[in-house]
Amino acid sequence: MERDISELIKKGSQLIIDGNFEEALSYFDQTIIMQPNNPDLLNKKGIALRGLGRYDEAIECFNRSLQLDPRDLDAS
């Protein structure tokens, strides 16, 4: 399962780089189902949402990420 999550994260991250935020969001939604309390995944989902202009939802993800790990320096 850990390998599956790593592959989904890798694909989702590349999709963000490519500007394909909608598809990236679907990858991060899948990973969050497997690890709902992972602040890094929530942060990546927030980045995808921000790219789609869904700012309120992105802020919720970023805030949740920071609640889980207040020292998360990557939270946007």
PDB file of N, CA and C in Angstrom:
ATOM      1  N   MET A   1       0.827  -1.197   0.000  1.00  0.00           N
ATOM      2  CA  MET A   1       0.000   0.000   0.000  1.00  0.00           C
ATOM      3  C   MET A   1       0.871   1.260   0.000  1.00  0.00           C
ATOM      4  N   GLU A   2       1.974   1.214   0.732  1.00  0.00           N
ATOM      5  CA  GLU A   2       2.866   2.381   0.797  1.00  0.00           C
ATOM      6  C   GLU A   2       3.416   2.724  -0.583  1.00  0.00           C
ATOM      7  N   ARG A   3       3.704   1.700  -1.375  1.00  0.00           N
ATOM      8  CA  ARG A   3       4.202   1.915  -2.734  1.00  0.00           C
ATOM      9  C   ARG A   3       3.122   2.565  -3.598  1.00  0.00           C
ATOM     10  N   ASP A   4       1.878   2.116  -3.430  1.00  0.00           N
ATOM     11  CA  ASP A   4       0.763   2.691  -4.177  1.00  0.00           C
ATOM     12  C   ASP A   4       0.612   4.175  -3.878  1.00  0.00           C
ATOM     13  N   ILE A   5       0.694   4.531  -2.611  1.00  0.00           N
ATOM     14  CA  ILE A   5       0.575   5.936  -2.212  1.00  0.00           C
ATOM     15  C   ILE A   5       1.718   6.742  -2.809  1.00  0.00           C
ATOM     16  N   SER A   6       2.920   6.198  -2.755  1.00  0.00           N
ATOM     17  CA  SER A   6       4.076   6.909  -3.315  1.00  0.00           C
ATOM     18  C   SER A   6       3.898   7.176  -4.800  1.00  0.00           C
ATOM     19  N   GLU A   7       3.376   6.200  -5.520  1.00  0.00           N
ATOM     20  CA  GLU A   7       3.149   6.374  -6.959  1.00  0.00           C
ATOM     21  C   GLU A   7       2.078   7.428  -7.226  1.00  0.00           C
ATOM     22  N   LEU A   8       1.002   7.406  -6.446  1.00  0.00           N
ATOM     23  CA  LEU A   8      -0.058   8.401  -6.613  1.00  0.00           C
ATOM     24  C   LEU A   8       0.463   9.811  -6.321  1.00  0.00           C
ATOM     25  N   ILE A   9       1.263   9.940  -5.272  1.00  0.00           N
ATOM     26  CA  ILE A   9       1.833  11.243  -4.918  1.00  0.00           C
ATOM     27  C   ILE A   9       2.754  11.732  -6.028  1.00  0.00           C
ATOM     28  N   LYS A  10       3.581  10.831  -6.534  1.00  0.00           N
ATOM     29  CA  LYS A  10       4.509  11.195  -7.608  1.00  0.00           C
ATOM     30  C   LYS A  10       3.745  11.667  -8.847  1.00  0.00           C
ATOM     31  N   LYS A  11       2.712  10.938  -9.235  1.00  0.00           N
ATOM     32  CA  LYS A  11       1.917  11.312 -10.405  1.00  0.00           C
ATOM     33  C   LYS A  11       1.183  12.635 -10.177  1.00  0.00           C
ATOM     34  N   GLY A  12       0.582  12.770  -8.996  1.00  0.00           N
ATOM     35  CA  GLY A  12      -0.133  14.004  -8.680  1.00  0.00           C
ATOM     36  C   GLY A  12       0.786  15.214  -8.656  1.00  0.00           C
ATOM     37  N   SER A  13       1.967  15.039  -8.108  1.00  0.00           N
ATOM     38  CA  SER A  13       2.928  16.139  -8.042  1.00  0.00           C
ATOM     39  C   SER A  13       3.377  16.562  -9.436  1.00  0.00           C
ATOM     40  N   GLN A  14       3.593  15.585 -10.313  1.00  0.00           N
ATOM     41  CA  GLN A  14       3.982  15.914 -11.685  1.00  0.00           C
ATOM     42  C   GLN A  14       2.842  16.640 -12.404  1.00  0.00           C
ATOM     43  N   LEU A  15       1.625  16.234 -12.143  1.00  0.00           N
ATOM     44  CA  LEU A  15       0.481  16.899 -12.768  1.00  0.00           C
ATOM     45  C   LEU A  15       0.372  18.356 -12.320  1.00  0.00           C
ATOM     46  N   ILE A  16       0.703  18.635 -11.070  1.00  0.00           N
ATOM     47  CA  ILE A  16       0.719  20.030 -10.600  1.00  0.00           C
ATOM     48  C   ILE A  16       1.773  20.811 -11.378  1.00  0.00           C
ATOM     49  N   ILE A  17       2.954  20.232 -11.513  1.00  0.00           N
ATOM     50  CA  ILE A  17       4.029  20.891 -12.261  1.00  0.00           C
ATOM     51  C   ILE A  17       3.581  21.167 -13.694  1.00  0.00           C
ATOM     52  N   ASP A  18       2.847  20.217 -14.263  1.00  0.00           N
ATOM     53  CA  ASP A  18       2.366  20.360 -15.639  1.00  0.00           C
ATOM     54  C   ASP A  18       1.164  21.301 -15.758  1.00  0.00           C
ATOM     55  N   GLY A  19       0.626  21.724 -14.621  1.00  0.00           N
ATOM     56  CA  GLY A  19      -0.519  22.628 -14.639  1.00  0.00           C
ATOM     57  C   GLY A  19      -1.857  21.934 -14.792  1.00  0.00           C
ATOM     58  N   ASN A  20      -1.874  20.623 -14.653  1.00  0.00           N
ATOM     59  CA  ASN A  20      -3.117  19.862 -14.761  1.00  0.00           C
ATOM     60  C   ASN A  20      -3.677  19.654 -13.352  1.00  0.00           C
ATOM     61  N   PHE A  21      -4.247  20.711 -12.806  1.00  0.00           N
ATOM     62  CA  PHE A  21      -4.665  20.716 -11.404  1.00  0.00           C
ATOM     63  C   PHE A  21      -5.868  19.813 -11.138  1.00  0.00           C
ATOM     64  N   GLU A  22      -6.779  19.721 -12.087  1.00  0.00           N
ATOM     65  CA  GLU A  22      -7.973  18.893 -11.898  1.00  0.00           C
ATOM     66  C   GLU A  22      -7.598  17.420 -11.739  1.00  0.00           C
ATOM     67  N   GLU A  23      -6.739  16.943 -12.611  1.00  0.00           N
ATOM     68  CA  GLU A  23      -6.318  15.546 -12.521  1.00  0.00           C
ATOM     69  C   GLU A  23      -5.444  15.325 -11.282  1.00  0.00           C
ATOM     70  N   ALA A  24      -4.587  16.284 -10.958  1.00  0.00           N
ATOM     71  CA  ALA A  24      -3.764  16.176  -9.752  1.00  0.00           C
ATOM     72  C   ALA A  24      -4.643  16.048  -8.515  1.00  0.00           C
ATOM     73  N   LEU A  25      -5.712  16.817  -8.493  1.00  0.00           N
ATOM     74  CA  LEU A  25      -6.636  16.782  -7.356  1.00  0.00           C
ATOM     75  C   LEU A  25      -7.197  15.375  -7.160  1.00  0.00           C
ATOM     76  N   SER A  26      -7.520  14.699  -8.245  1.00  0.00           N
ATOM     77  CA  SER A  26      -8.071  13.348  -8.117  1.00  0.00           C
ATOM     78  C   SER A  26      -7.047  12.390  -7.510  1.00  0.00           C
ATOM     79  N   TYR A  27      -5.775  12.562  -7.853  1.00  0.00           N
ATOM     80  CA  TYR A  27      -4.731  11.714  -7.266  1.00  0.00           C
ATOM     81  C   TYR A  27      -4.604  11.976  -5.766  1.00  0.00           C
ATOM     82  N   PHE A  28      -4.619  13.233  -5.381  1.00  0.00           N
ATOM     83  CA  PHE A  28      -4.460  13.537  -3.957  1.00  0.00           C
ATOM     84  C   PHE A  28      -5.697  13.158  -3.158  1.00  0.00           C
ATOM     85  N   ASP A  29      -6.872  13.234  -3.768  1.00  0.00           N
ATOM     86  CA  ASP A  29      -8.072  12.749  -3.089  1.00  0.00           C
ATOM     87  C   ASP A  29      -7.946  11.255  -2.792  1.00  0.00           C
ATOM     88  N   GLN A  30      -7.394  10.506  -3.733  1.00  0.00           N
ATOM     89  CA  GLN A  30      -7.197   9.064  -3.521  1.00  0.00           C
ATOM     90  C   GLN A  30      -6.225   8.789  -2.376  1.00  0.00           C
ATOM     91  N   THR A  31      -5.147   9.561  -2.312  1.00  0.00           N
ATOM     92  CA  THR A  31      -4.156   9.318  -1.256  1.00  0.00           C
ATOM     93  C   THR A  31      -4.702   9.712   0.115  1.00  0.00           C
ATOM     94  N   ILE A  32      -5.498  10.752   0.148  1.00  0.00           N
ATOM     95  CA  ILE A  32      -6.052  11.211   1.431  1.00  0.00           C
ATOM     96  C   ILE A  32      -7.043  10.192   1.991  1.00  0.00           C
ATOM     97  N   ILE A  33      -7.708   9.453   1.122  1.00  0.00           N
ATOM     98  CA  ILE A  33      -8.585   8.372   1.596  1.00  0.00           C
ATOM     99  C   ILE A  33      -7.756   7.340   2.366  1.00  0.00           C
ATOM    100  N   MET A  34      -6.539   7.084   1.894  1.00  0.00           N
ATOM    101  CA  MET A  34      -5.667   6.089   2.529  1.00  0.00           C
ATOM    102  C   MET A  34      -4.953   6.640   3.765  1.00  0.00           C
ATOM    103  N   GLN A  35      -4.638   7.946   3.738  1.00  0.00           N
ATOM    104  CA  GLN A  35      -3.929   8.572   4.856  1.00  0.00           C
ATOM    105  C   GLN A  35      -4.562   9.942   5.144  1.00  0.00           C
ATOM    106  N   PRO A  36      -5.728   9.943   5.790  1.00  0.00           N
ATOM    107  CA  PRO A  36      -6.471  11.194   5.973  1.00  0.00           C
ATOM    108  C   PRO A  36      -5.793  12.221   6.886  1.00  0.00           C
ATOM    109  N   ASN A  37      -4.860  11.800   7.682  1.00  0.00           N
ATOM    110  CA  ASN A  37      -4.203  12.737   8.610  1.00  0.00           C
ATOM    111  C   ASN A  37      -2.770  13.040   8.221  1.00  0.00           C
ATOM    112  N   ASN A  38      -2.472  12.935   6.942  1.00  0.00           N
ATOM    113  CA  ASN A  38      -1.127  13.229   6.455  1.00  0.00           C
ATOM    114  C   ASN A  38      -1.079  14.695   6.022  1.00  0.00           C
ATOM    115  N   PRO A  39      -0.358  15.545   6.760  1.00  0.00           N
ATOM    116  CA  PRO A  39      -0.345  16.980   6.437  1.00  0.00           C
ATOM    117  C   PRO A  39       0.247  17.285   5.065  1.00  0.00           C
ATOM    118  N   ASP A  40       1.200  16.485   4.607  1.00  0.00           N
ATOM    119  CA  ASP A  40       1.798  16.725   3.294  1.00  0.00           C
ATOM    120  C   ASP A  40       0.780  16.511   2.173  1.00  0.00           C
ATOM    121  N   LEU A  41      -0.044  15.494   2.316  1.00  0.00           N
ATOM    122  CA  LEU A  41      -1.068  15.222   1.307  1.00  0.00           C
ATOM    123  C   LEU A  41      -2.116  16.329   1.280  1.00  0.00           C
ATOM    124  N   LEU A  42      -2.496  16.785   2.456  1.00  0.00           N
ATOM    125  CA  LEU A  42      -3.463  17.884   2.521  1.00  0.00           C
ATOM    126  C   LEU A  42      -2.889  19.151   1.899  1.00  0.00           C
ATOM    127  N   ASN A  43      -1.613  19.379   2.110  1.00  0.00           N
ATOM    128  CA  ASN A  43      -0.959  20.542   1.524  1.00  0.00           C
ATOM    129  C   ASN A  43      -0.948  20.447   0.000  1.00  0.00           C
ATOM    130  N   LYS A  44      -0.630  19.268  -0.530  1.00  0.00           N
ATOM    131  CA  LYS A  44      -0.615  19.086  -1.983  1.00  0.00           C
ATOM    132  C   LYS A  44      -2.014  19.240  -2.577  1.00  0.00           C
ATOM    133  N   LYS A  45      -3.003  18.731  -1.864  1.00  0.00           N
ATOM    134  CA  LYS A  45      -4.383  18.919  -2.321  1.00  0.00           C
ATOM    135  C   LYS A  45      -4.722  20.408  -2.341  1.00  0.00           C
ATOM    136  N   GLY A  46      -4.283  21.126  -1.325  1.00  0.00           N
ATOM    137  CA  GLY A  46      -4.507  22.569  -1.278  1.00  0.00           C
ATOM    138  C   GLY A  46      -3.860  23.284  -2.450  1.00  0.00           C
ATOM    139  N   ILE A  47      -2.679  22.861  -2.836  1.00  0.00           N
ATOM    140  CA  ILE A  47      -1.993  23.469  -3.984  1.00  0.00           C
ATOM    141  C   ILE A  47      -2.803  23.240  -5.258  1.00  0.00           C
ATOM    142  N   ALA A  48      -3.321  22.015  -5.424  1.00  0.00           N
ATOM    143  CA  ALA A  48      -4.137  21.719  -6.612  1.00  0.00           C
ATOM    144  C   ALA A  48      -5.415  22.565  -6.603  1.00  0.00           C
ATOM    145  N   LEU A  49      -6.053  22.669  -5.460  1.00  0.00           N
ATOM    146  CA  LEU A  49      -7.273  23.478  -5.357  1.00  0.00           C
ATOM    147  C   LEU A  49      -6.984  24.951  -5.651  1.00  0.00           C
ATOM    148  N   ARG A  50      -5.878  25.437  -5.134  1.00  0.00           N
ATOM    149  CA  ARG A  50      -5.494  26.832  -5.398  1.00  0.00           C
ATOM    150  C   ARG A  50      -5.281  27.040  -6.899  1.00  0.00           C
ATOM    151  N   GLY A  51      -4.669  26.076  -7.555  1.00  0.00           N
ATOM    152  CA  GLY A  51      -4.463  26.164  -8.994  1.00  0.00           C
ATOM    153  C   GLY A  51      -5.768  26.208  -9.776  1.00  0.00           C
ATOM    154  N   LEU A  52      -6.808  25.626  -9.199  1.00  0.00           N
ATOM    155  CA  LEU A  52      -8.126  25.632  -9.837  1.00  0.00           C
ATOM    156  C   LEU A  52      -8.949  26.864  -9.465  1.00  0.00           C
ATOM    157  N   GLY A  53      -8.379  27.717  -8.623  1.00  0.00           N
ATOM    158  CA  GLY A  53      -9.102  28.913  -8.190  1.00  0.00           C
ATOM    159  C   GLY A  53     -10.123  28.626  -7.107  1.00  0.00           C
ATOM    160  N   ARG A  54     -10.031  27.474  -6.485  1.00  0.00           N
ATOM    161  CA  ARG A  54     -10.959  27.089  -5.405  1.00  0.00           C
ATOM    162  C   ARG A  54     -10.301  27.437  -4.065  1.00  0.00           C
ATOM    163  N   TYR A  55     -10.204  28.733  -3.842  1.00  0.00           N
ATOM    164  CA  TYR A  55      -9.389  29.257  -2.742  1.00  0.00           C
ATOM    165  C   TYR A  55      -9.904  28.892  -1.362  1.00  0.00           C
ATOM    166  N   ASP A  56     -11.208  28.938  -1.145  1.00  0.00           N
ATOM    167  CA  ASP A  56     -11.738  28.596   0.178  1.00  0.00           C
ATOM    168  C   ASP A  56     -11.420  27.153   0.552  1.00  0.00           C
ATOM    169  N   GLU A  57     -11.567  26.250  -0.413  1.00  0.00           N
ATOM    170  CA  GLU A  57     -11.252  24.849  -0.160  1.00  0.00           C
ATOM    171  C   GLU A  57      -9.751  24.661   0.053  1.00  0.00           C
ATOM    172  N   ALA A  58      -8.949  25.400  -0.709  1.00  0.00           N
ATOM    173  CA  ALA A  58      -7.490  25.319  -0.556  1.00  0.00           C
ATOM    174  C   ALA A  58      -7.090  25.770   0.846  1.00  0.00           C
ATOM    175  N   ILE A  59      -7.664  26.857   1.305  1.00  0.00           N
ATOM    176  CA  ILE A  59      -7.350  27.369   2.649  1.00  0.00           C
ATOM    177  C   ILE A  59      -7.721  26.340   3.705  1.00  0.00           C
ATOM    178  N   GLU A  60      -8.853  25.663   3.522  1.00  0.00           N
ATOM    179  CA  GLU A  60      -9.248  24.619   4.474  1.00  0.00           C
ATOM    180  C   GLU A  60      -8.192  23.519   4.531  1.00  0.00           C
ATOM    181  N   CYS A  61      -7.682  23.121   3.376  1.00  0.00           N
ATOM    182  CA  CYS A  61      -6.642  22.082   3.344  1.00  0.00           C
ATOM    183  C   CYS A  61      -5.361  22.560   4.016  1.00  0.00           C
ATOM    184  N   PHE A  62      -4.960  23.785   3.717  1.00  0.00           N
ATOM    185  CA  PHE A  62      -3.743  24.328   4.321  1.00  0.00           C
ATOM    186  C   PHE A  62      -3.901  24.445   5.837  1.00  0.00           C
ATOM    187  N   ASN A  63      -5.052  24.916   6.290  1.00  0.00           N
ATOM    188  CA  ASN A  63      -5.285  25.039   7.734  1.00  0.00           C
ATOM    189  C   ASN A  63      -5.293  23.677   8.413  1.00  0.00           C
ATOM    190  N   ARG A  64      -5.916  22.692   7.774  1.00  0.00           N
ATOM    191  CA  ARG A  64      -5.943  21.343   8.343  1.00  0.00           C
ATOM    192  C   ARG A  64      -4.515  20.773   8.407  1.00  0.00           C
ATOM    193  N   SER A  65      -3.730  21.024   7.377  1.00  0.00           N
ATOM    194  CA  SER A  65      -2.339  20.577   7.354  1.00  0.00           C
ATOM    195  C   SER A  65      -1.571  21.169   8.532  1.00  0.00           C
ATOM    196  N   LEU A  66      -1.773  22.454   8.756  1.00  0.00           N
ATOM    197  CA  LEU A  66      -1.080  23.123   9.867  1.00  0.00           C
ATOM    198  C   LEU A  66      -1.589  22.665  11.231  1.00  0.00           C
ATOM    199  N   GLN A  67      -2.872  22.301  11.320  1.00  0.00           N
ATOM    200  CA  GLN A  67      -3.392  21.762  12.581  1.00  0.00           C
ATOM    201  C   GLN A  67      -2.721  20.432  12.911  1.00  0.00           C
ATOM    202  N   LEU A  68      -2.518  19.628  11.885  1.00  0.00           N
ATOM    203  CA  LEU A  68      -1.897  18.321  12.100  1.00  0.00           C
ATOM    204  C   LEU A  68      -0.413  18.442  12.403  1.00  0.00           C
ATOM    205  N   ASP A  69       0.239  19.415  11.768  1.00  0.00           N
ATOM    206  CA  ASP A  69       1.673  19.609  11.978  1.00  0.00           C
ATOM    207  C   ASP A  69       1.982  21.103  11.921  1.00  0.00           C
ATOM    208  N   PRO A  70       1.912  21.777  13.056  1.00  0.00           N
ATOM    209  CA  PRO A  70       2.143  23.227  13.083  1.00  0.00           C
ATOM    210  C   PRO A  70       3.528  23.633  12.598  1.00  0.00           C
ATOM    211  N   ARG A  71       4.449  22.696  12.582  1.00  0.00           N
ATOM    212  CA  ARG A  71       5.803  23.012  12.119  1.00  0.00           C
ATOM    213  C   ARG A  71       5.971  22.715  10.642  1.00  0.00           C
ATOM    214  N   ASP A  72       4.863  22.408   9.950  1.00  0.00           N
ATOM    215  CA  ASP A  72       4.920  22.073   8.525  1.00  0.00           C
ATOM    216  C   ASP A  72       5.314  23.309   7.725  1.00  0.00           C
ATOM    217  N   LEU A  73       6.577  23.395   7.365  1.00  0.00           N
ATOM    218  CA  LEU A  73       7.097  24.566   6.666  1.00  0.00           C
ATOM    219  C   LEU A  73       6.649  24.613   5.221  1.00  0.00           C
ATOM    220  N   ASP A  74       6.116  23.507   4.699  1.00  0.00           N
ATOM    221  CA  ASP A  74       5.678  23.485   3.310  1.00  0.00           C
ATOM    222  C   ASP A  74       4.230  23.924   3.122  1.00  0.00           C
ATOM    223  N   ALA A  75       3.497  24.101   4.200  1.00  0.00           N
ATOM    224  CA  ALA A  75       2.094  24.524   4.073  1.00  0.00           C
ATOM    225  C   ALA A  75       2.062  25.903   3.425  1.00  0.00           C
ATOM    226  N   SER A  76       1.335  25.975   2.341  1.00  0.00           N
ATOM    227  CA  SER A  76       1.354  27.203   1.534  1.00  0.00           C
ATOM    228  C   SER A  76       0.449  28.274   2.092  1.00  0.00           C
TER     229      SER A  76
END
